[in-house]
């Protein structure tokens, strides 16, 4: 059994200097922590796997396809594979748990990536 503490994961992610830190990978699922500072730009591109975001901290607007939604701590968002999406108008530092199924980049044949 693997147990993770969010505060520890966020600290590891910040120490890495990267916006995204993958902390779990099995063939059917990968998980990571994605952070974006207030006022920053989210440059991610569509993923080839289904994705769920769970916002643990912050406020922003999220575009998924042509839909736009305000999100904040407690929001859970599903994004189907290959759908264009991004966070914008980030008004409070954003921390998001990211779940990919199957594991991120599985359909591209890659072992890891840097974007959430």
PDB file of N, CA and C in Angstrom:
ATOM      1  N   UNK A   1       0.851  -1.179   0.000  1.00  0.00           N
ATOM      2  CA  UNK A   1       0.000   0.000   0.000  1.00  0.00           C
ATOM      3  C   UNK A   1       0.894   1.239   0.000  1.00  0.00           C
ATOM      4  N   UNK A   2       0.518   2.206  -0.808  1.00  0.00           N
ATOM      5  CA  UNK A   2       1.211   3.491  -0.841  1.00  0.00           C
ATOM      6  C   UNK A   2       0.287   4.559  -0.262  1.00  0.00           C
ATOM      7  N   UNK A   3       0.815   5.364   0.637  1.00  0.00           N
ATOM      8  CA  UNK A   3       0.060   6.465   1.240  1.00  0.00           C
ATOM      9  C   UNK A   3       0.868   7.731   1.039  1.00  0.00           C
ATOM     10  N   UNK A   4       0.197   8.788   0.602  1.00  0.00           N
ATOM     11  CA  UNK A   4       0.864  10.057   0.326  1.00  0.00           C
ATOM     12  C   UNK A   4       0.206  11.160   1.137  1.00  0.00           C
ATOM     13  N   UNK A   5       0.996  12.113   1.579  1.00  0.00           N
ATOM     14  CA  UNK A   5       0.494  13.300   2.268  1.00  0.00           C
ATOM     15  C   UNK A   5       0.623  14.476   1.308  1.00  0.00           C
ATOM     16  N   UNK A   6      -0.474  15.193   1.107  1.00  0.00           N
ATOM     17  CA  UNK A   6      -0.484  16.288   0.144  1.00  0.00           C
ATOM     18  C   UNK A   6       0.599  17.317   0.445  1.00  0.00           C
ATOM     19  N   UNK A   7       0.764  17.687   1.699  1.00  0.00           N
ATOM     20  CA  UNK A   7       1.776  18.699   2.053  1.00  0.00           C
ATOM     21  C   UNK A   7       3.177  18.238   1.646  1.00  0.00           C
ATOM     22  N   UNK A   8       3.478  16.953   1.829  1.00  0.00           N
ATOM     23  CA  UNK A   8       4.785  16.419   1.428  1.00  0.00           C
ATOM     24  C   UNK A   8       4.950  16.453  -0.087  1.00  0.00           C
ATOM     25  N   UNK A   9       3.887  16.102  -0.808  1.00  0.00           N
ATOM     26  CA  UNK A   9       3.952  16.109  -2.272  1.00  0.00           C
ATOM     27  C   UNK A   9       4.166  17.517  -2.810  1.00  0.00           C
ATOM     28  N   UNK A  10       3.448  18.484  -2.250  1.00  0.00           N
ATOM     29  CA  UNK A  10       3.597  19.875  -2.692  1.00  0.00           C
ATOM     30  C   UNK A  10       5.015  20.363  -2.403  1.00  0.00           C
ATOM     31  N   UNK A  11       5.562  20.008  -1.254  1.00  0.00           N
ATOM     32  CA  UNK A  11       6.944  20.403  -0.921  1.00  0.00           C
ATOM     33  C   UNK A  11       7.927  19.788  -1.915  1.00  0.00           C
ATOM     34  N   UNK A  12       7.754  18.512  -2.253  1.00  0.00           N
ATOM     35  CA  UNK A  12       8.626  17.853  -3.236  1.00  0.00           C
ATOM     36  C   UNK A  12       8.509  18.516  -4.604  1.00  0.00           C
ATOM     37  N   UNK A  13       7.279  18.865  -4.983  1.00  0.00           N
ATOM     38  CA  UNK A  13       7.051  19.508  -6.279  1.00  0.00           C
ATOM     39  C   UNK A  13       7.753  20.852  -6.314  1.00  0.00           C
ATOM     40  N   UNK A  14       7.628  21.650  -5.269  1.00  0.00           N
ATOM     41  CA  UNK A  14       8.286  22.962  -5.228  1.00  0.00           C
ATOM     42  C   UNK A  14       9.802  22.815  -5.282  1.00  0.00           C
ATOM     43  N   UNK A  15      10.354  21.848  -4.548  1.00  0.00           N
ATOM     44  CA  UNK A  15      11.800  21.603  -4.561  1.00  0.00           C
ATOM     45  C   UNK A  15      12.299  21.203  -5.945  1.00  0.00           C
ATOM     46  N   UNK A  16      11.444  20.541  -6.724  1.00  0.00           N
ATOM     47  CA  UNK A  16      11.849  20.079  -8.059  1.00  0.00           C
ATOM     48  C   UNK A  16      12.040  21.236  -9.034  1.00  0.00           C
ATOM     49  N   UNK A  17      11.389  22.372  -8.764  1.00  0.00           N
ATOM     50  CA  UNK A  17      11.463  23.507  -9.673  1.00  0.00           C
ATOM     51  C   UNK A  17      10.591  23.358 -10.908  1.00  0.00           C
ATOM     52  N   UNK A  18       9.841  22.276 -10.992  1.00  0.00           N
ATOM     53  CA  UNK A  18       8.947  22.022 -12.125  1.00  0.00           C
ATOM     54  C   UNK A  18       7.504  22.293 -11.710  1.00  0.00           C
ATOM     55  N   UNK A  19       6.656  22.612 -12.691  1.00  0.00           N
ATOM     56  CA  UNK A  19       5.245  22.842 -12.402  1.00  0.00           C
ATOM     57  C   UNK A  19       4.517  21.542 -12.077  1.00  0.00           C
ATOM     58  N   UNK A  20       5.017  20.415 -12.603  1.00  0.00           N
ATOM     59  CA  UNK A  20       4.338  19.127 -12.439  1.00  0.00           C
ATOM     60  C   UNK A  20       5.283  18.100 -11.836  1.00  0.00           C
ATOM     61  N   UNK A  21       4.788  17.373 -10.843  1.00  0.00           N
ATOM     62  CA  UNK A  21       5.542  16.279 -10.227  1.00  0.00           C
ATOM     63  C   UNK A  21       4.681  15.027 -10.238  1.00  0.00           C
ATOM     64  N   UNK A  22       5.091  14.032 -11.022  1.00  0.00           N
ATOM     65  CA  UNK A  22       4.403  12.744 -10.987  1.00  0.00           C
ATOM     66  C   UNK A  22       4.881  11.986  -9.754  1.00  0.00           C
ATOM     67  N   UNK A  23       3.940  11.455  -8.968  1.00  0.00           N
ATOM     68  CA  UNK A  23       4.333  10.726  -7.764  1.00  0.00           C
ATOM     69  C   UNK A  23       3.854   9.284  -7.748  1.00  0.00           C
ATOM     70  N   UNK A  24       3.043   8.885  -8.699  1.00  0.00           N
ATOM     71  CA  UNK A  24       2.587   7.500  -8.780  1.00  0.00           C
ATOM     72  C   UNK A  24       2.423   7.122 -10.240  1.00  0.00           C
ATOM     73  N   UNK A  25       2.919   5.931 -10.594  1.00  0.00           N
ATOM     74  CA  UNK A  25       2.741   5.431 -11.958  1.00  0.00           C
ATOM     75  C   UNK A  25       2.603   3.925 -11.917  1.00  0.00           C
ATOM     76  N   UNK A  26       1.474   3.443 -12.384  1.00  0.00           N
ATOM     77  CA  UNK A  26       1.232   2.035 -12.668  1.00  0.00           C
ATOM     78  C   UNK A  26       0.626   2.013 -14.067  1.00  0.00           C
ATOM     79  N   UNK A  27       0.564   0.877 -14.742  1.00  0.00           N
ATOM     80  CA  UNK A  27       0.079   0.891 -16.125  1.00  0.00           C
ATOM     81  C   UNK A  27      -1.305   1.516 -16.310  1.00  0.00           C
ATOM     82  N   UNK A  28      -2.202   1.322 -15.359  1.00  0.00           N
ATOM     83  CA  UNK A  28      -3.572   1.796 -15.538  1.00  0.00           C
ATOM     84  C   UNK A  28      -3.833   3.205 -15.026  1.00  0.00           C
ATOM     85  N   UNK A  29      -2.839   3.831 -14.362  1.00  0.00           N
ATOM     86  CA  UNK A  29      -3.081   5.126 -13.720  1.00  0.00           C
ATOM     87  C   UNK A  29      -1.764   5.819 -13.415  1.00  0.00           C
ATOM     88  N   UNK A  30      -1.760   7.136 -13.550  1.00  0.00           N
ATOM     89  CA  UNK A  30      -0.655   7.926 -12.999  1.00  0.00           C
ATOM     90  C   UNK A  30      -1.255   9.124 -12.278  1.00  0.00           C
ATOM     91  N   UNK A  31      -0.509   9.625 -11.285  1.00  0.00           N
ATOM     92  CA  UNK A  31      -0.973  10.756 -10.493  1.00  0.00           C
ATOM     93  C   UNK A  31       0.156  11.746 -10.316  1.00  0.00           C
ATOM     94  N   UNK A  32      -0.216  13.018 -10.237  1.00  0.00           N
ATOM     95  CA  UNK A  32       0.784  14.047 -10.033  1.00  0.00           C
ATOM     96  C   UNK A  32       0.198  15.261  -9.347  1.00  0.00           C
ATOM     97  N   UNK A  33       1.087  16.165  -8.975  1.00  0.00           N
ATOM     98  CA  UNK A  33       0.714  17.462  -8.412  1.00  0.00           C
ATOM     99  C   UNK A  33       1.144  18.515  -9.422  1.00  0.00           C
ATOM    100  N   UNK A  34       0.217  19.407  -9.771  1.00  0.00           N
ATOM    101  CA  UNK A  34       0.462  20.467 -10.746  1.00  0.00           C
ATOM    102  C   UNK A  34       0.200  21.787 -10.048  1.00  0.00           C
ATOM    103  N   UNK A  35       1.151  22.720 -10.111  1.00  0.00           N
ATOM    104  CA  UNK A  35       0.947  24.029  -9.496  1.00  0.00           C
ATOM    105  C   UNK A  35       1.200  25.126 -10.511  1.00  0.00           C
ATOM    106  N   UNK A  36       0.394  26.160 -10.409  1.00  0.00           N
ATOM    107  CA  UNK A  36       0.535  27.344 -11.251  1.00  0.00           C
ATOM    108  C   UNK A  36       0.379  28.577 -10.369  1.00  0.00           C
ATOM    109  N   UNK A  37       1.354  29.480 -10.376  1.00  0.00           N
ATOM    110  CA  UNK A  37       1.235  30.695  -9.576  1.00  0.00           C
ATOM    111  C   UNK A  37       0.148  31.627 -10.123  1.00  0.00           C
ATOM    112  N   UNK A  38      -0.420  32.440  -9.257  1.00  0.00           N
ATOM    113  CA  UNK A  38      -1.390  33.446  -9.686  1.00  0.00           C
ATOM    114  C   UNK A  38      -0.774  34.283 -10.799  1.00  0.00           C
ATOM    115  N   UNK A  39      -1.571  34.554 -11.823  1.00  0.00           N
ATOM    116  CA  UNK A  39      -1.120  35.379 -12.939  1.00  0.00           C
ATOM    117  C   UNK A  39      -0.313  34.651 -13.989  1.00  0.00           C
ATOM    118  N   UNK A  40      -0.019  33.372 -13.776  1.00  0.00           N
ATOM    119  CA  UNK A  40       0.802  32.636 -14.745  1.00  0.00           C
ATOM    120  C   UNK A  40      -0.050  32.106 -15.894  1.00  0.00           C
ATOM    121  N   UNK A  41       0.630  31.536 -16.875  1.00  0.00           N
ATOM    122  CA  UNK A  41      -0.019  30.996 -18.065  1.00  0.00           C
ATOM    123  C   UNK A  41       0.160  29.484 -18.085  1.00  0.00           C
ATOM    124  N   UNK A  42      -0.920  28.765 -18.338  1.00  0.00           N
ATOM    125  CA  UNK A  42      -0.902  27.303 -18.431  1.00  0.00           C
ATOM    126  C   UNK A  42      -0.682  26.930 -19.894  1.00  0.00           C
ATOM    127  N   UNK A  43       0.448  26.306 -20.197  1.00  0.00           N
ATOM    128  CA  UNK A  43       0.829  26.023 -21.582  1.00  0.00           C
ATOM    129  C   UNK A  43       0.612  24.571 -21.983  1.00  0.00           C
ATOM    130  N   UNK A  44      -0.105  23.801 -21.178  1.00  0.00           N
ATOM    131  CA  UNK A  44      -0.262  22.385 -21.503  1.00  0.00           C
ATOM    132  C   UNK A  44      -1.042  22.174 -22.794  1.00  0.00           C
ATOM    133  N   UNK A  45      -0.822  21.020 -23.386  1.00  0.00           N
ATOM    134  CA  UNK A  45      -1.516  20.619 -24.609  1.00  0.00           C
ATOM    135  C   UNK A  45      -2.396  19.420 -24.291  1.00  0.00           C
ATOM    136  N   UNK A  46      -3.352  19.093 -25.171  1.00  0.00           N
ATOM    137  CA  UNK A  46      -4.228  17.944 -24.901  1.00  0.00           C
ATOM    138  C   UNK A  46      -3.421  16.667 -24.670  1.00  0.00           C
ATOM    139  N   UNK A  47      -3.951  15.816 -23.818  1.00  0.00           N
ATOM    140  CA  UNK A  47      -3.317  14.543 -23.494  1.00  0.00           C
ATOM    141  C   UNK A  47      -4.042  13.416 -24.217  1.00  0.00           C
ATOM    142  N   UNK A  48      -3.352  12.327 -24.431  1.00  0.00           N
ATOM    143  CA  UNK A  48      -3.944  11.181 -25.122  1.00  0.00           C
ATOM    144  C   UNK A  48      -4.656  10.235 -24.158  1.00  0.00           C
ATOM    145  N   UNK A  49      -4.708  10.592 -22.877  1.00  0.00           N
ATOM    146  CA  UNK A  49      -5.390   9.789 -21.862  1.00  0.00           C
ATOM    147  C   UNK A  49      -6.465  10.632 -21.177  1.00  0.00           C
ATOM    148  N   UNK A  50      -7.495   9.956 -20.650  1.00  0.00           N
ATOM    149  CA  UNK A  50      -8.486  10.652 -19.836  1.00  0.00           C
ATOM    150  C   UNK A  50      -7.793  11.221 -18.600  1.00  0.00           C
ATOM    151  N   UNK A  51      -8.351  12.316 -18.095  1.00  0.00           N
ATOM    152  CA  UNK A  51      -7.691  13.032 -17.006  1.00  0.00           C
ATOM    153  C   UNK A  51      -8.736  13.582 -16.035  1.00  0.00           C
ATOM    154  N   UNK A  52      -8.408  13.534 -14.748  1.00  0.00           N
ATOM    155  CA  UNK A  52      -9.241  14.150 -13.716  1.00  0.00           C
ATOM    156  C   UNK A  52      -8.361  15.110 -12.930  1.00  0.00           C
ATOM    157  N   UNK A  53      -8.881  16.311 -12.706  1.00  0.00           N
ATOM    158  CA  UNK A  53      -8.214  17.309 -11.873  1.00  0.00           C
ATOM    159  C   UNK A  53      -9.014  17.466 -10.583  1.00  0.00           C
ATOM    160  N   UNK A  54      -8.318  17.481  -9.453  1.00  0.00           N
ATOM    161  CA  UNK A  54      -8.929  17.800  -8.172  1.00  0.00           C
ATOM    162  C   UNK A  54      -8.184  19.010  -7.618  1.00  0.00           C
ATOM    163  N   UNK A  55      -8.875  20.143  -7.538  1.00  0.00           N
ATOM    164  CA  UNK A  55      -8.259  21.389  -7.084  1.00  0.00           C
ATOM    165  C   UNK A  55      -8.199  21.377  -5.560  1.00  0.00           C
ATOM    166  N   UNK A  56      -6.985  21.484  -5.022  1.00  0.00           N
ATOM    167  CA  UNK A  56      -6.818  21.490  -3.568  1.00  0.00           C
ATOM    168  C   UNK A  56      -6.617  22.889  -3.012  1.00  0.00           C
ATOM    169  N   UNK A  57      -6.229  23.831  -3.884  1.00  0.00           N
ATOM    170  CA  UNK A  57      -5.969  25.198  -3.424  1.00  0.00           C
ATOM    171  C   UNK A  57      -6.010  26.131  -4.626  1.00  0.00           C
ATOM    172  N   UNK A  58      -6.543  27.326  -4.423  1.00  0.00           N
ATOM    173  CA  UNK A  58      -6.473  28.369  -5.439  1.00  0.00           C
ATOM    174  C   UNK A  58      -7.766  28.582  -6.199  1.00  0.00           C
ATOM    175  N   UNK A  59      -7.697  29.561  -7.125  1.00  0.00           N
ATOM    176  CA  UNK A  59      -8.849  29.922  -7.958  1.00  0.00           C
ATOM    177  C   UNK A  59      -8.371  30.239  -9.358  1.00  0.00           C
ATOM    178  N   UNK A  60      -9.165  29.825 -10.334  1.00  0.00           N
ATOM    179  CA  UNK A  60      -8.852  30.089 -11.736  1.00  0.00           C
ATOM    180  C   UNK A  60     -10.112  29.842 -12.549  1.00  0.00           C
ATOM    181  N   UNK A  61      -9.992  30.047 -13.840  1.00  0.00           N
ATOM    182  CA  UNK A  61     -11.016  29.630 -14.785  1.00  0.00           C
ATOM    183  C   UNK A  61     -10.391  28.528 -15.621  1.00  0.00           C
ATOM    184  N   UNK A  62     -11.207  27.545 -15.980  1.00  0.00           N
ATOM    185  CA  UNK A  62     -10.706  26.441 -16.793  1.00  0.00           C
ATOM    186  C   UNK A  62     -11.502  26.391 -18.083  1.00  0.00           C
ATOM    187  N   UNK A  63     -10.771  26.252 -19.183  1.00  0.00           N
ATOM    188  CA  UNK A  63     -11.403  26.050 -20.489  1.00  0.00           C
ATOM    189  C   UNK A  63     -11.232  24.586 -20.855  1.00  0.00           C
ATOM    190  N   UNK A  64     -12.349  23.954 -21.199  1.00  0.00           N
ATOM    191  CA  UNK A  64     -12.347  22.574 -21.680  1.00  0.00           C
ATOM    192  C   UNK A  64     -13.143  22.584 -22.972  1.00  0.00           C
ATOM    193  N   UNK A  65     -12.444  22.409 -24.096  1.00  0.00           N
ATOM    194  CA  UNK A  65     -13.106  22.581 -25.379  1.00  0.00           C
ATOM    195  C   UNK A  65     -13.604  24.009 -25.474  1.00  0.00           C
ATOM    196  N   UNK A  66     -14.908  24.190 -25.687  1.00  0.00           N
ATOM    197  CA  UNK A  66     -15.478  25.542 -25.772  1.00  0.00           C
ATOM    198  C   UNK A  66     -16.162  25.966 -24.471  1.00  0.00           C
ATOM    199  N   UNK A  67     -16.125  25.120 -23.449  1.00  0.00           N
ATOM    200  CA  UNK A  67     -16.732  25.443 -22.157  1.00  0.00           C
ATOM    201  C   UNK A  67     -15.724  26.139 -21.244  1.00  0.00           C
ATOM    202  N   UNK A  68     -16.220  27.073 -20.443  1.00  0.00           N
ATOM    203  CA  UNK A  68     -15.390  27.812 -19.488  1.00  0.00           C
ATOM    204  C   UNK A  68     -16.061  27.722 -18.123  1.00  0.00           C
ATOM    205  N   UNK A  69     -15.286  27.346 -17.099  1.00  0.00           N
ATOM    206  CA  UNK A  69     -15.828  27.197 -15.753  1.00  0.00           C
ATOM    207  C   UNK A  69     -14.886  27.788 -14.727  1.00  0.00           C
ATOM    208  N   UNK A  70     -15.448  28.458 -13.727  1.00  0.00           N
ATOM    209  CA  UNK A  70     -14.673  28.904 -12.570  1.00  0.00           C
ATOM    210  C   UNK A  70     -14.385  27.665 -11.728  1.00  0.00           C
ATOM    211  N   UNK A  71     -13.154  27.535 -11.263  1.00  0.00           N
ATOM    212  CA  UNK A  71     -12.795  26.413 -10.400  1.00  0.00           C
ATOM    213  C   UNK A  71     -12.084  26.956  -9.166  1.00  0.00           C
ATOM    214  N   UNK A  72     -12.199  26.203  -8.073  1.00  0.00           N
ATOM    215  CA  UNK A  72     -11.544  26.587  -6.817  1.00  0.00           C
ATOM    216  C   UNK A  72     -11.374  25.330  -5.974  1.00  0.00           C
ATOM    217  N   UNK A  73     -10.784  25.483  -4.789  1.00  0.00           N
ATOM    218  CA  UNK A  73     -10.557  24.334  -3.913  1.00  0.00           C
ATOM    219  C   UNK A  73     -11.833  23.512  -3.779  1.00  0.00           C
ATOM    220  N   UNK A  74     -11.706  22.209  -4.019  1.00  0.00           N
ATOM    221  CA  UNK A  74     -12.847  21.306  -3.958  1.00  0.00           C
ATOM    222  C   UNK A  74     -13.418  20.958  -5.319  1.00  0.00           C
ATOM    223  N   UNK A  75     -13.079  21.712  -6.364  1.00  0.00           N
ATOM    224  CA  UNK A  75     -13.575  21.404  -7.709  1.00  0.00           C
ATOM    225  C   UNK A  75     -12.922  20.134  -8.236  1.00  0.00           C
ATOM    226  N   UNK A  76     -13.722  19.303  -8.892  1.00  0.00           N
ATOM    227  CA  UNK A  76     -13.242  18.092  -9.552  1.00  0.00           C
ATOM    228  C   UNK A  76     -13.666  18.189 -11.007  1.00  0.00           C
ATOM    229  N   UNK A  77     -12.703  18.057 -11.919  1.00  0.00           N
ATOM    230  CA  UNK A  77     -12.966  18.266 -13.342  1.00  0.00           C
ATOM    231  C   UNK A  77     -12.491  17.051 -14.131  1.00  0.00           C
ATOM    232  N   UNK A  78     -13.362  16.512 -14.988  1.00  0.00           N
ATOM    233  CA  UNK A  78     -12.987  15.430 -15.897  1.00  0.00           C
ATOM    234  C   UNK A  78     -12.710  16.018 -17.270  1.00  0.00           C
ATOM    235  N   UNK A  79     -11.599  15.611 -17.873  1.00  0.00           N
ATOM    236  CA  UNK A  79     -11.253  16.021 -19.234  1.00  0.00           C
ATOM    237  C   UNK A  79     -10.998  14.747 -20.037  1.00  0.00           C
ATOM    238  N   UNK A  80     -11.796  14.524 -21.065  1.00  0.00           N
ATOM    239  CA  UNK A  80     -11.622  13.338 -21.906  1.00  0.00           C
ATOM    240  C   UNK A  80     -10.329  13.443 -22.711  1.00  0.00           C
ATOM    241  N   UNK A  81      -9.805  12.313 -23.088  1.00  0.00           N
ATOM    242  CA  UNK A  81      -8.580  12.255 -23.885  1.00  0.00           C
ATOM    243  C   UNK A  81      -8.713  13.123 -25.132  1.00  0.00           C
ATOM    244  N   UNK A  82      -7.633  13.801 -25.477  1.00  0.00           N
ATOM    245  CA  UNK A  82      -7.495  14.597 -26.698  1.00  0.00           C
ATOM    246  C   UNK A  82      -8.335  15.866 -26.746  1.00  0.00           C
ATOM    247  N   UNK A  83      -8.964  16.256 -25.644  1.00  0.00           N
ATOM    248  CA  UNK A  83      -9.751  17.492 -25.605  1.00  0.00           C
ATOM    249  C   UNK A  83      -8.837  18.633 -25.163  1.00  0.00           C
ATOM    250  N   UNK A  84      -8.850  19.722 -25.925  1.00  0.00           N
ATOM    251  CA  UNK A  84      -8.041  20.897 -25.606  1.00  0.00           C
ATOM    252  C   UNK A  84      -8.550  21.520 -24.306  1.00  0.00           C
ATOM    253  N   UNK A  85      -7.628  21.864 -23.401  1.00  0.00           N
ATOM    254  CA  UNK A  85      -8.023  22.432 -22.110  1.00  0.00           C
ATOM    255  C   UNK A  85      -6.861  23.199 -21.501  1.00  0.00           C
ATOM    256  N   UNK A  86      -7.190  24.138 -20.614  1.00  0.00           N
ATOM    257  CA  UNK A  86      -6.155  24.884 -19.895  1.00  0.00           C
ATOM    258  C   UNK A  86      -6.783  25.662 -18.747  1.00  0.00           C
ATOM    259  N   UNK A  87      -5.929  26.054 -17.813  1.00  0.00           N
ATOM    260  CA  UNK A  87      -6.313  26.968 -16.743  1.00  0.00           C
ATOM    261  C   UNK A  87      -5.923  28.376 -17.183  1.00  0.00           C
ATOM    262  N   UNK A  88      -6.751  29.360 -16.879  1.00  0.00           N
ATOM    263  CA  UNK A  88      -6.402  30.749 -17.168  1.00  0.00           C
ATOM    264  C   UNK A  88      -7.048  31.640 -16.116  1.00  0.00           C
ATOM    265  N   UNK A  89      -6.749  32.928 -16.180  1.00  0.00           N
ATOM    266  CA  UNK A  89      -7.240  33.870 -15.172  1.00  0.00           C
ATOM    267  C   UNK A  89      -7.024  33.281 -13.773  1.00  0.00           C
ATOM    268  N   UNK A  90      -5.777  32.885 -13.517  1.00  0.00           N
ATOM    269  CA  UNK A  90      -5.408  32.273 -12.237  1.00  0.00           C
ATOM    270  C   UNK A  90      -5.245  33.406 -11.223  1.00  0.00           C
ATOM    271  N   UNK A  91      -6.243  33.546 -10.336  1.00  0.00           N
ATOM    272  CA  UNK A  91      -6.258  34.676  -9.406  1.00  0.00           C
ATOM    273  C   UNK A  91      -5.646  34.339  -8.051  1.00  0.00           C
ATOM    274  N   UNK A  92      -5.529  33.055  -7.728  1.00  0.00           N
ATOM    275  CA  UNK A  92      -4.847  32.589  -6.513  1.00  0.00           C
ATOM    276  C   UNK A  92      -3.973  31.413  -6.913  1.00  0.00           C
ATOM    277  N   UNK A  93      -2.775  31.320  -6.315  1.00  0.00           N
ATOM    278  CA  UNK A  93      -1.890  30.192  -6.614  1.00  0.00           C
ATOM    279  C   UNK A  93      -2.705  28.900  -6.646  1.00  0.00           C
ATOM    280  N   UNK A  94      -2.511  28.117  -7.707  1.00  0.00           N
ATOM    281  CA  UNK A  94      -3.324  26.935  -7.958  1.00  0.00           C
ATOM    282  C   UNK A  94      -2.522  25.667  -7.681  1.00  0.00           C
ATOM    283  N   UNK A  95      -3.094  24.768  -6.885  1.00  0.00           N
ATOM    284  CA  UNK A  95      -2.518  23.445  -6.650  1.00  0.00           C
ATOM    285  C   UNK A  95      -3.577  22.422  -7.016  1.00  0.00           C
ATOM    286  N   UNK A  96      -3.194  21.484  -7.878  1.00  0.00           N
ATOM    287  CA  UNK A  96      -4.144  20.528  -8.431  1.00  0.00           C
ATOM    288  C   UNK A  96      -3.555  19.123  -8.374  1.00  0.00           C
ATOM    289  N   UNK A  97      -4.337  18.162  -7.896  1.00  0.00           N
ATOM    290  CA  UNK A  97      -3.976  16.757  -8.049  1.00  0.00           C
ATOM    291  C   UNK A  97      -4.467  16.315  -9.419  1.00  0.00           C
ATOM    292  N   UNK A  98      -3.619  15.611 -10.151  1.00  0.00           N
ATOM    293  CA  UNK A  98      -3.931  15.202 -11.515  1.00  0.00           C
ATOM    294  C   UNK A  98      -3.905  13.678 -11.578  1.00  0.00           C
ATOM    295  N   UNK A  99      -4.958  13.098 -12.153  1.00  0.00           N
ATOM    296  CA  UNK A  99      -5.068  11.647 -12.309  1.00  0.00           C
ATOM    297  C   UNK A  99      -5.208  11.347 -13.803  1.00  0.00           C
ATOM    298  N   UNK A 100      -4.357  10.506 -14.350  1.00  0.00           N
ATOM    299  CA  UNK A 100      -4.447  10.070 -15.742  1.00  0.00           C
ATOM    300  C   UNK A 100      -4.801   8.587 -15.775  1.00  0.00           C
ATOM    301  N   UNK A 101      -5.699   8.219 -16.693  1.00  0.00           N
ATOM    302  CA  UNK A 101      -6.020   6.805 -16.885  1.00  0.00           C
ATOM    303  C   UNK A 101      -6.163   6.523 -18.381  1.00  0.00           C
ATOM    304  N   UNK A 102      -5.384   5.585 -18.907  1.00  0.00           N
ATOM    305  CA  UNK A 102      -4.270   4.925 -18.236  1.00  0.00           C
ATOM    306  C   UNK A 102      -3.170   5.938 -17.928  1.00  0.00           C
ATOM    307  N   UNK A 103      -2.020   5.465 -17.463  1.00  0.00           N
ATOM    308  CA  UNK A 103      -0.927   6.358 -17.071  1.00  0.00           C
ATOM    309  C   UNK A 103      -0.596   7.343 -18.188  1.00  0.00           C
ATOM    310  N   UNK A 104      -0.214   8.570 -17.792  1.00  0.00           N
ATOM    311  CA  UNK A 104       0.100   9.627 -18.755  1.00  0.00           C
ATOM    312  C   UNK A 104       1.119   9.146 -19.781  1.00  0.00           C
ATOM    313  N   UNK A 105       0.876   9.498 -21.018  1.00  0.00           N
ATOM    314  CA  UNK A 105       1.726   9.183 -22.177  1.00  0.00           C
ATOM    315  C   UNK A 105       1.707   7.708 -22.561  1.00  0.00           C
ATOM    316  N   UNK A 106       0.845   6.900 -21.951  1.00  0.00           N
ATOM    317  CA  UNK A 106       0.755   5.487 -22.323  1.00  0.00           C
ATOM    318  C   UNK A 106       0.473   5.335 -23.813  1.00  0.00           C
ATOM    319  N   UNK A 107      -0.461   6.127 -24.333  1.00  0.00           N
ATOM    320  CA  UNK A 107      -0.839   6.011 -25.743  1.00  0.00           C
ATOM    321  C   UNK A 107       0.223   6.565 -26.680  1.00  0.00           C
ATOM    322  N   UNK A 108       1.176   7.320 -26.149  1.00  0.00           N
ATOM    323  CA  UNK A 108       2.273   7.840 -26.967  1.00  0.00           C
ATOM    324  C   UNK A 108       3.514   6.972 -26.838  1.00  0.00           C
ATOM    325  N   UNK A 109       3.480   5.983 -25.944  1.00  0.00           N
ATOM    326  CA  UNK A 109       4.618   5.098 -25.761  1.00  0.00           C
ATOM    327  C   UNK A 109       5.775   5.725 -25.010  1.00  0.00           C
ATOM    328  N   UNK A 110       5.515   6.810 -24.269  1.00  0.00           N
ATOM    329  CA  UNK A 110       6.564   7.475 -23.496  1.00  0.00           C
ATOM    330  C   UNK A 110       6.447   7.075 -22.034  1.00  0.00           C
ATOM    331  N   UNK A 111       7.522   7.172 -21.301  1.00  0.00           N
ATOM    332  CA  UNK A 111       7.518   6.779 -19.893  1.00  0.00           C
ATOM    333  C   UNK A 111       7.199   7.906 -18.936  1.00  0.00           C
ATOM    334  N   UNK A 112       7.470   9.155 -19.323  1.00  0.00           N
ATOM    335  CA  UNK A 112       7.160  10.242 -18.398  1.00  0.00           C
ATOM    336  C   UNK A 112       7.055  11.549 -19.153  1.00  0.00           C
ATOM    337  N   UNK A 113       6.509  12.547 -18.473  1.00  0.00           N
ATOM    338  CA  UNK A 113       6.342  13.872 -19.053  1.00  0.00           C
ATOM    339  C   UNK A 113       6.438  14.915 -17.976  1.00  0.00           C
ATOM    340  N   UNK A 114       6.303  16.161 -18.369  1.00  0.00           N
ATOM    341  CA  UNK A 114       6.481  17.242 -17.412  1.00  0.00           C
ATOM    342  C   UNK A 114       5.234  18.086 -17.245  1.00  0.00           C
ATOM    343  N   UNK A 115       4.241  17.928 -18.075  1.00  0.00           N
ATOM    344  CA  UNK A 115       3.060  18.784 -17.996  1.00  0.00           C
ATOM    345  C   UNK A 115       1.913  18.036 -17.339  1.00  0.00           C
ATOM    346  N   UNK A 116       1.004  18.812 -16.674  1.00  0.00           N
ATOM    347  CA  UNK A 116      -0.143  18.246 -15.997  1.00  0.00           C
ATOM    348  C   UNK A 116      -1.383  18.305 -16.783  1.00  0.00           C
TER     349      UNK A 116
END
